[in-house]
PDB file of N, CA and C in Angstrom:
ATOM      1  N   MET A   1      39.038  13.334 -19.285  1.00  0.00           N
ATOM      2  CA  MET A   1      37.930  12.570 -19.823  1.00  0.00           C
ATOM      3  C   MET A   1      36.629  13.269 -19.462  1.00  0.00           C
ATOM      4  N   SER A   2      35.754  13.406 -20.393  1.00  0.00           N
ATOM      5  CA  SER A   2      34.489  14.076 -20.149  1.00  0.00           C
ATOM      6  C   SER A   2      33.454  13.089 -19.613  1.00  0.00           C
ATOM      7  N   VAL A   3      32.480  13.639 -18.937  1.00  0.00           N
ATOM      8  CA  VAL A   3      31.411  12.831 -18.373  1.00  0.00           C
ATOM      9  C   VAL A   3      30.460  12.425 -19.493  1.00  0.00           C
ATOM     10  N   PRO A   4      30.160  11.114 -19.625  1.00  0.00           N
ATOM     11  CA  PRO A   4      29.232  10.695 -20.676  1.00  0.00           C
ATOM     12  C   PRO A   4      27.807  11.150 -20.360  1.00  0.00           C
ATOM     13  N   GLN A   5      27.060  11.451 -21.373  1.00  0.00           N
ATOM     14  CA  GLN A   5      25.666  11.848 -21.213  1.00  0.00           C
ATOM     15  C   GLN A   5      24.787  10.603 -21.167  1.00  0.00           C
ATOM     16  N   PHE A   6      23.808  10.621 -20.270  1.00  0.00           N
ATOM     17  CA  PHE A   6      22.986   9.423 -20.066  1.00  0.00           C
ATOM     18  C   PHE A   6      22.201   9.034 -21.308  1.00  0.00           C
ATOM     19  N   TRP A   7      21.522   9.987 -21.955  1.00  0.00           N
ATOM     20  CA  TRP A   7      20.625   9.645 -23.054  1.00  0.00           C
ATOM     21  C   TRP A   7      21.367   9.270 -24.330  1.00  0.00           C
ATOM     22  N   SER A   8      22.605   9.720 -24.477  1.00  0.00           N
ATOM     23  CA  SER A   8      23.334   9.354 -25.690  1.00  0.00           C
ATOM     24  C   SER A   8      24.088   8.034 -25.530  1.00  0.00           C
ATOM     25  N   GLN A   9      24.599   7.765 -24.324  1.00  0.00           N
ATOM     26  CA  GLN A   9      25.350   6.529 -24.070  1.00  0.00           C
ATOM     27  C   GLN A   9      24.980   5.984 -22.682  1.00  0.00           C
ATOM     28  N   PRO A  10      23.829   5.357 -22.529  1.00  0.00           N
ATOM     29  CA  PRO A  10      23.374   4.977 -21.185  1.00  0.00           C
ATOM     30  C   PRO A  10      24.264   3.951 -20.486  1.00  0.00           C
ATOM     31  N   LEU A  11      24.759   2.940 -21.187  1.00  0.00           N
ATOM     32  CA  LEU A  11      25.595   1.932 -20.535  1.00  0.00           C
ATOM     33  C   LEU A  11      26.926   2.519 -20.083  1.00  0.00           C
ATOM     34  N   ARG A  12      27.495   3.372 -20.898  1.00  0.00           N
ATOM     35  CA  ARG A  12      28.750   4.015 -20.522  1.00  0.00           C
ATOM     36  C   ARG A  12      28.545   4.942 -19.330  1.00  0.00           C
ATOM     37  N   TYR A  13      27.405   5.651 -19.294  1.00  0.00           N
ATOM     38  CA  TYR A  13      27.095   6.528 -18.174  1.00  0.00           C
ATOM     39  C   TYR A  13      26.898   5.726 -16.890  1.00  0.00           C
ATOM     40  N   ILE A  14      26.216   4.590 -16.961  1.00  0.00           N
ATOM     41  CA  ILE A  14      25.999   3.750 -15.784  1.00  0.00           C
ATOM     42  C   ILE A  14      27.329   3.238 -15.248  1.00  0.00           C
ATOM     43  N   ARG A  15      28.212   2.834 -16.135  1.00  0.00           N
ATOM     44  CA  ARG A  15      29.537   2.382 -15.714  1.00  0.00           C
ATOM     45  C   ARG A  15      30.308   3.515 -15.054  1.00  0.00           C
ATOM     46  N   TRP A  16      30.258   4.702 -15.640  1.00  0.00           N
ATOM     47  CA  TRP A  16      30.954   5.855 -15.072  1.00  0.00           C
ATOM     48  C   TRP A  16      30.385   6.202 -13.690  1.00  0.00           C
ATOM     49  N   ALA A  17      29.054   6.209 -13.573  1.00  0.00           N
ATOM     50  CA  ALA A  17      28.423   6.560 -12.309  1.00  0.00           C
ATOM     51  C   ALA A  17      28.728   5.537 -11.219  1.00  0.00           C
ATOM     52  N   SER A  18      28.815   4.264 -11.576  1.00  0.00           N
ATOM     53  CA  SER A  18      29.115   3.247 -10.571  1.00  0.00           C
ATOM     54  C   SER A  18      30.529   3.393 -10.025  1.00  0.00           C
ATOM     55  N   HIS A  19      31.449   3.948 -10.812  1.00  0.00           N
ATOM     56  CA  HIS A  19      32.827   4.159 -10.345  1.00  0.00           C
ATOM     57  C   HIS A  19      33.005   5.504  -9.667  1.00  0.00           C
ATOM     58  N   GLU A  20      32.421   6.546 -10.206  1.00  0.00           N
ATOM     59  CA  GLU A  20      32.652   7.900  -9.716  1.00  0.00           C
ATOM     60  C   GLU A  20      31.707   8.313  -8.590  1.00  0.00           C
ATOM     61  N   LYS A  21      30.470   7.836  -8.606  1.00  0.00           N
ATOM     62  CA  LYS A  21      29.472   8.209  -7.598  1.00  0.00           C
ATOM     63  C   LYS A  21      28.745   6.952  -7.117  1.00  0.00           C
ATOM     64  N   PRO A  22      29.451   6.071  -6.400  1.00  0.00           N
ATOM     65  CA  PRO A  22      28.843   4.780  -6.041  1.00  0.00           C
ATOM     66  C   PRO A  22      27.662   4.907  -5.080  1.00  0.00           C
ATOM     67  N   ALA A  23      27.689   5.869  -4.148  1.00  0.00           N
ATOM     68  CA  ALA A  23      26.583   5.977  -3.188  1.00  0.00           C
ATOM     69  C   ALA A  23      25.284   6.328  -3.902  1.00  0.00           C
ATOM     70  N   ILE A  24      25.343   7.276  -4.802  1.00  0.00           N
ATOM     71  CA  ILE A  24      24.143   7.660  -5.545  1.00  0.00           C
ATOM     72  C   ILE A  24      23.701   6.539  -6.470  1.00  0.00           C
ATOM     73  N   PHE A  25      24.654   5.920  -7.149  1.00  0.00           N
ATOM     74  CA  PHE A  25      24.335   4.846  -8.092  1.00  0.00           C
ATOM     75  C   PHE A  25      23.628   3.678  -7.399  1.00  0.00           C
ATOM     76  N   PHE A  26      24.199   3.193  -6.295  1.00  0.00           N
ATOM     77  CA  PHE A  26      23.608   2.038  -5.630  1.00  0.00           C
ATOM     78  C   PHE A  26      22.341   2.405  -4.877  1.00  0.00           C
ATOM     79  N   SER A  27      22.175   3.657  -4.468  1.00  0.00           N
ATOM     80  CA  SER A  27      20.907   4.089  -3.892  1.00  0.00           C
ATOM     81  C   SER A  27      19.799   4.000  -4.932  1.00  0.00           C
ATOM     82  N   ILE A  28      20.092   4.403  -6.142  1.00  0.00           N
ATOM     83  CA  ILE A  28      19.102   4.315  -7.223  1.00  0.00           C
ATOM     84  C   ILE A  28      18.800   2.858  -7.562  1.00  0.00           C
ATOM     85  N   VAL A  29      19.838   2.015  -7.568  1.00  0.00           N
ATOM     86  CA  VAL A  29      19.630   0.590  -7.859  1.00  0.00           C
ATOM     87  C   VAL A  29      18.734  -0.047  -6.799  1.00  0.00           C
ATOM     88  N   LEU A  30      19.033   0.176  -5.515  1.00  0.00           N
ATOM     89  CA  LEU A  30      18.220  -0.415  -4.453  1.00  0.00           C
ATOM     90  C   LEU A  30      16.809   0.171  -4.433  1.00  0.00           C
ATOM     91  N   GLY A  31      16.671   1.462  -4.700  1.00  0.00           N
ATOM     92  CA  GLY A  31      15.359   2.077  -4.740  1.00  0.00           C
ATOM     93  C   GLY A  31      14.503   1.553  -5.873  1.00  0.00           C
ATOM     94  N   SER A  32      15.128   1.224  -6.987  1.00  0.00           N
ATOM     95  CA  SER A  32      14.358   0.703  -8.117  1.00  0.00           C
ATOM     96  C   SER A  32      13.940  -0.753  -7.909  1.00  0.00           C
ATOM     97  N   LEU A  33      14.567  -1.442  -6.952  1.00  0.00           N
ATOM     98  CA  LEU A  33      14.176  -2.827  -6.667  1.00  0.00           C
ATOM     99  C   LEU A  33      12.902  -2.915  -5.828  1.00  0.00           C
ATOM    100  N   GLY A  34      12.488  -1.829  -5.189  1.00  0.00           N
ATOM    101  CA  GLY A  34      11.281  -1.837  -4.358  1.00  0.00           C
ATOM    102  C   GLY A  34      10.024  -2.205  -5.117  1.00  0.00           C
ATOM    103  N   PRO A  35       9.691  -1.500  -6.208  1.00  0.00           N
ATOM    104  CA  PRO A  35       8.480  -1.875  -6.959  1.00  0.00           C
ATOM    105  C   PRO A  35       8.565  -3.278  -7.569  1.00  0.00           C
ATOM    106  N   VAL A  36       9.756  -3.699  -7.941  1.00  0.00           N
ATOM    107  CA  VAL A  36       9.922  -5.052  -8.484  1.00  0.00           C
ATOM    108  C   VAL A  36       9.631  -6.082  -7.395  1.00  0.00           C
ATOM    109  N   ALA A  37      10.118  -5.827  -6.181  1.00  0.00           N
ATOM    110  CA  ALA A  37       9.878  -6.746  -5.071  1.00  0.00           C
ATOM    111  C   ALA A  37       8.403  -6.781  -4.694  1.00  0.00           C
ATOM    112  N   LEU A  38       7.724  -5.652  -4.790  1.00  0.00           N
ATOM    113  CA  LEU A  38       6.309  -5.586  -4.455  1.00  0.00           C
ATOM    114  C   LEU A  38       5.489  -6.524  -5.346  1.00  0.00           C
ATOM    115  N   VAL A  39       5.892  -6.689  -6.571  1.00  0.00           N
ATOM    116  CA  VAL A  39       5.162  -7.539  -7.516  1.00  0.00           C
ATOM    117  C   VAL A  39       5.641  -8.986  -7.465  1.00  0.00           C
ATOM    118  N   SER A  40       6.933  -9.216  -7.218  1.00  0.00           N
ATOM    119  CA  SER A  40       7.477 -10.564  -7.373  1.00  0.00           C
ATOM    120  C   SER A  40       7.547 -11.376  -6.087  1.00  0.00           C
ATOM    121  N   ILE A  41       7.621 -10.769  -4.918  1.00  0.00           N
ATOM    122  CA  ILE A  41       7.816 -11.535  -3.682  1.00  0.00           C
ATOM    123  C   ILE A  41       6.583 -12.343  -3.263  1.00  0.00           C
ATOM    124  N   PRO A  42       5.344 -11.805  -3.298  1.00  0.00           N
ATOM    125  CA  PRO A  42       4.202 -12.636  -2.854  1.00  0.00           C
ATOM    126  C   PRO A  42       4.039 -13.957  -3.609  1.00  0.00           C
ATOM    127  N   PRO A  43       4.166 -14.009  -4.937  1.00  0.00           N
ATOM    128  CA  PRO A  43       4.060 -15.326  -5.591  1.00  0.00           C
ATOM    129  C   PRO A  43       5.189 -16.279  -5.197  1.00  0.00           C
ATOM    130  N   VAL A  44       6.368 -15.749  -4.977  1.00  0.00           N
ATOM    131  CA  VAL A  44       7.493 -16.602  -4.574  1.00  0.00           C
ATOM    132  C   VAL A  44       7.245 -17.165  -3.179  1.00  0.00           C
ATOM    133  N   ARG A  45       6.717 -16.332  -2.276  1.00  0.00           N
ATOM    134  CA  ARG A  45       6.383 -16.819  -0.927  1.00  0.00           C
ATOM    135  C   ARG A  45       5.372 -17.953  -0.990  1.00  0.00           C
ATOM    136  N   ARG A  46       4.316 -17.765  -1.780  1.00  0.00           N
ATOM    137  CA  ARG A  46       3.287 -18.804  -1.886  1.00  0.00           C
ATOM    138  C   ARG A  46       3.834 -20.074  -2.534  1.00  0.00           C
ATOM    139  N   TYR A  47       4.758 -19.928  -3.457  1.00  0.00           N
ATOM    140  CA  TYR A  47       5.366 -21.096  -4.105  1.00  0.00           C
ATOM    141  C   TYR A  47       6.120 -21.948  -3.088  1.00  0.00           C
ATOM    142  N   PHE A  48       6.802 -21.306  -2.134  1.00  0.00           N
ATOM    143  CA  PHE A  48       7.566 -22.042  -1.134  1.00  0.00           C
ATOM    144  C   PHE A  48       6.735 -22.445   0.081  1.00  0.00           C
ATOM    145  N   GLY A  49       5.420 -22.203   0.057  1.00  0.00           N
ATOM    146  CA  GLY A  49       4.533 -22.707   1.093  1.00  0.00           C
ATOM    147  C   GLY A  49       4.263 -21.747   2.236  1.00  0.00           C
ATOM    148  N   ASP A  50       4.706 -20.522   2.165  1.00  0.00           N
ATOM    149  CA  ASP A  50       4.426 -19.550   3.214  1.00  0.00           C
ATOM    150  C   ASP A  50       3.020 -19.006   3.010  1.00  0.00           C
ATOM    151  N   VAL A  51       2.173 -19.167   4.019  1.00  0.00           N
ATOM    152  CA  VAL A  51       0.790 -18.713   3.906  1.00  0.00           C
ATOM    153  C   VAL A  51       0.589 -17.489   4.788  1.00  0.00           C
ATOM    154  N   ASP A  52      -0.389 -16.679   4.442  1.00  0.00           N
ATOM    155  CA  ASP A  52      -0.726 -15.514   5.249  1.00  0.00           C
ATOM    156  C   ASP A  52      -1.442 -15.976   6.518  1.00  0.00           C
ATOM    157  N   PRO A  53      -1.148 -15.370   7.665  1.00  0.00           N
ATOM    158  CA  PRO A  53      -1.825 -15.785   8.904  1.00  0.00           C
ATOM    159  C   PRO A  53      -3.290 -15.362   8.902  1.00  0.00           C
ATOM    160  N   GLU A  54      -4.071 -16.000   9.768  1.00  0.00           N
ATOM    161  CA  GLU A  54      -5.481 -15.639   9.899  1.00  0.00           C
ATOM    162  C   GLU A  54      -5.574 -14.216  10.449  1.00  0.00           C
ATOM    163  N   PRO A  55      -6.564 -13.469  10.041  1.00  0.00           N
ATOM    164  CA  PRO A  55      -6.678 -12.104  10.566  1.00  0.00           C
ATOM    165  C   PRO A  55      -6.985 -12.106  12.063  1.00  0.00           C
ATOM    166  N   ILE A  56      -6.497 -11.106  12.753  1.00  0.00           N
ATOM    167  CA  ILE A  56      -6.727 -10.972  14.185  1.00  0.00           C
ATOM    168  C   ILE A  56      -8.182 -10.544  14.402  1.00  0.00           C
ATOM    169  N   PRO A  57      -8.910 -11.222  15.308  1.00  0.00           N
ATOM    170  CA  PRO A  57     -10.314 -10.835  15.529  1.00  0.00           C
ATOM    171  C   PRO A  57     -10.393  -9.483  16.246  1.00  0.00           C
ATOM    172  N   PHE A  58     -11.380  -8.681  15.870  1.00  0.00           N
ATOM    173  CA  PHE A  58     -11.564  -7.372  16.478  1.00  0.00           C
ATOM    174  C   PHE A  58     -12.548  -7.404  17.642  1.00  0.00           C
ATOM    175  N   THR A  59     -13.267  -8.508  17.828  1.00  0.00           N
ATOM    176  CA  THR A  59     -14.224  -8.626  18.922  1.00  0.00           C
ATOM    177  C   THR A  59     -13.916  -9.874  19.725  1.00  0.00           C
ATOM    178  N   TYR A  60     -14.367  -9.856  20.979  1.00  0.00           N
ATOM    179  CA  TYR A  60     -14.201 -11.022  21.834  1.00  0.00           C
ATOM    180  C   TYR A  60     -15.278 -12.034  21.475  1.00  0.00           C
ATOM    181  N   PRO A  61     -14.934 -13.322  21.353  1.00  0.00           N
ATOM    182  CA  PRO A  61     -15.965 -14.313  20.984  1.00  0.00           C
ATOM    183  C   PRO A  61     -16.988 -14.480  22.105  1.00  0.00           C
ATOM    184  N   ILE A  62     -18.260 -14.461  21.749  1.00  0.00           N
ATOM    185  CA  ILE A  62     -19.345 -14.601  22.713  1.00  0.00           C
ATOM    186  C   ILE A  62     -19.645 -16.087  22.875  1.00  0.00           C
ATOM    187  N   PRO A  63     -19.534 -16.597  24.115  1.00  0.00           N
ATOM    188  CA  PRO A  63     -19.800 -18.027  24.307  1.00  0.00           C
ATOM    189  C   PRO A  63     -21.284 -18.348  24.138  1.00  0.00           C
ATOM    190  N   LYS A  64     -21.577 -19.566  23.720  1.00  0.00           N
ATOM    191  CA  LYS A  64     -22.949 -20.010  23.527  1.00  0.00           C
ATOM    192  C   LYS A  64     -23.497 -20.537  24.857  1.00  0.00           C
ATOM    193  N   GLY A  65     -24.805 -20.367  25.082  1.00  0.00           N
ATOM    194  CA  GLY A  65     -25.444 -20.876  26.297  1.00  0.00           C
ATOM    195  C   GLY A  65     -25.434 -19.854  27.413  1.00  0.00           C
ATOM    196  N   PRO A  66     -25.957 -20.258  28.571  1.00  0.00           N
ATOM    197  CA  PRO A  66     -26.025 -19.328  29.694  1.00  0.00           C
ATOM    198  C   PRO A  66     -24.633 -19.066  30.284  1.00  0.00           C
ATOM    199  N   ARG A  67     -24.505 -17.900  30.887  1.00  0.00           N
ATOM    200  CA  ARG A  67     -23.217 -17.510  31.473  1.00  0.00           C
ATOM    201  C   ARG A  67     -23.022 -18.244  32.799  1.00  0.00           C
ATOM    202  N   ALA A  68     -21.859 -18.821  32.972  1.00  0.00           N
ATOM    203  CA  ALA A  68     -21.547 -19.513  34.221  1.00  0.00           C
ATOM    204  C   ALA A  68     -21.042 -18.485  35.235  1.00  0.00           C
ATOM    205  N   ILE A  69     -21.736 -18.351  36.363  1.00  0.00           N
ATOM    206  CA  ILE A  69     -21.337 -17.399  37.401  1.00  0.00           C
ATOM    207  C   ILE A  69     -20.266 -18.046  38.262  1.00  0.00           C
ATOM    208  N   PRO A  70     -19.132 -17.369  38.459  1.00  0.00           N
ATOM    209  CA  PRO A  70     -18.074 -17.957  39.269  1.00  0.00           C
ATOM    210  C   PRO A  70     -18.503 -18.120  40.729  1.00  0.00           C
ATOM    211  N   LYS A  71     -18.042 -19.151  41.364  1.00  0.00           N
ATOM    212  CA  LYS A  71     -18.383 -19.454  42.760  1.00  0.00           C
ATOM    213  C   LYS A  71     -17.175 -19.137  43.654  1.00  0.00           C
ATOM    214  N   GLY A  72     -17.460 -18.674  44.885  1.00  0.00           N
ATOM    215  CA  GLY A  72     -16.421 -18.485  45.863  1.00  0.00           C
ATOM    216  C   GLY A  72     -15.776 -17.111  45.862  1.00  0.00           C
ATOM    217  N   PHE A  73     -16.311 -16.159  45.111  1.00  0.00           N
ATOM    218  CA  PHE A  73     -15.737 -14.818  45.080  1.00  0.00           C
ATOM    219  C   PHE A  73     -16.695 -13.773  45.638  1.00  0.00           C
ATOM    220  N   ASP A  74     -17.741 -14.188  46.340  1.00  0.00           N
ATOM    221  CA  ASP A  74     -18.733 -13.259  46.879  1.00  0.00           C
ATOM    222  C   ASP A  74     -18.176 -12.546  48.097  1.00  0.00           C
ATOM    223  N   ASP A  75     -18.509 -11.257  48.224  1.00  0.00           N
ATOM    224  CA  ASP A  75     -18.116 -10.509  49.410  1.00  0.00           C
ATOM    225  C   ASP A  75     -19.078 -10.878  50.542  1.00  0.00           C
ATOM    226  N   GLU A  76     -18.548 -11.108  51.716  1.00  0.00           N
ATOM    227  CA  GLU A  76     -19.410 -11.472  52.836  1.00  0.00           C
ATOM    228  C   GLU A  76     -19.229 -10.526  53.971  1.00  0.00           C
TER     229      GLU A  76
END
């Protein structure tokens, strides 16, 4: 049996490749799901109520008012 050509018979070629070269075939299938997941997963997450966390602050918050000096730590 000869190997089917992809452009002339794509479905037959995909079937042949899935039986004869499964590692390559399924690597291509999983690799092609990446861009699809990039577009489809965020709306699905938001639909089920998963929200993005608040961003991590890059600075320490400055307290309002005068600075309270700690007591009892003076060198004597």
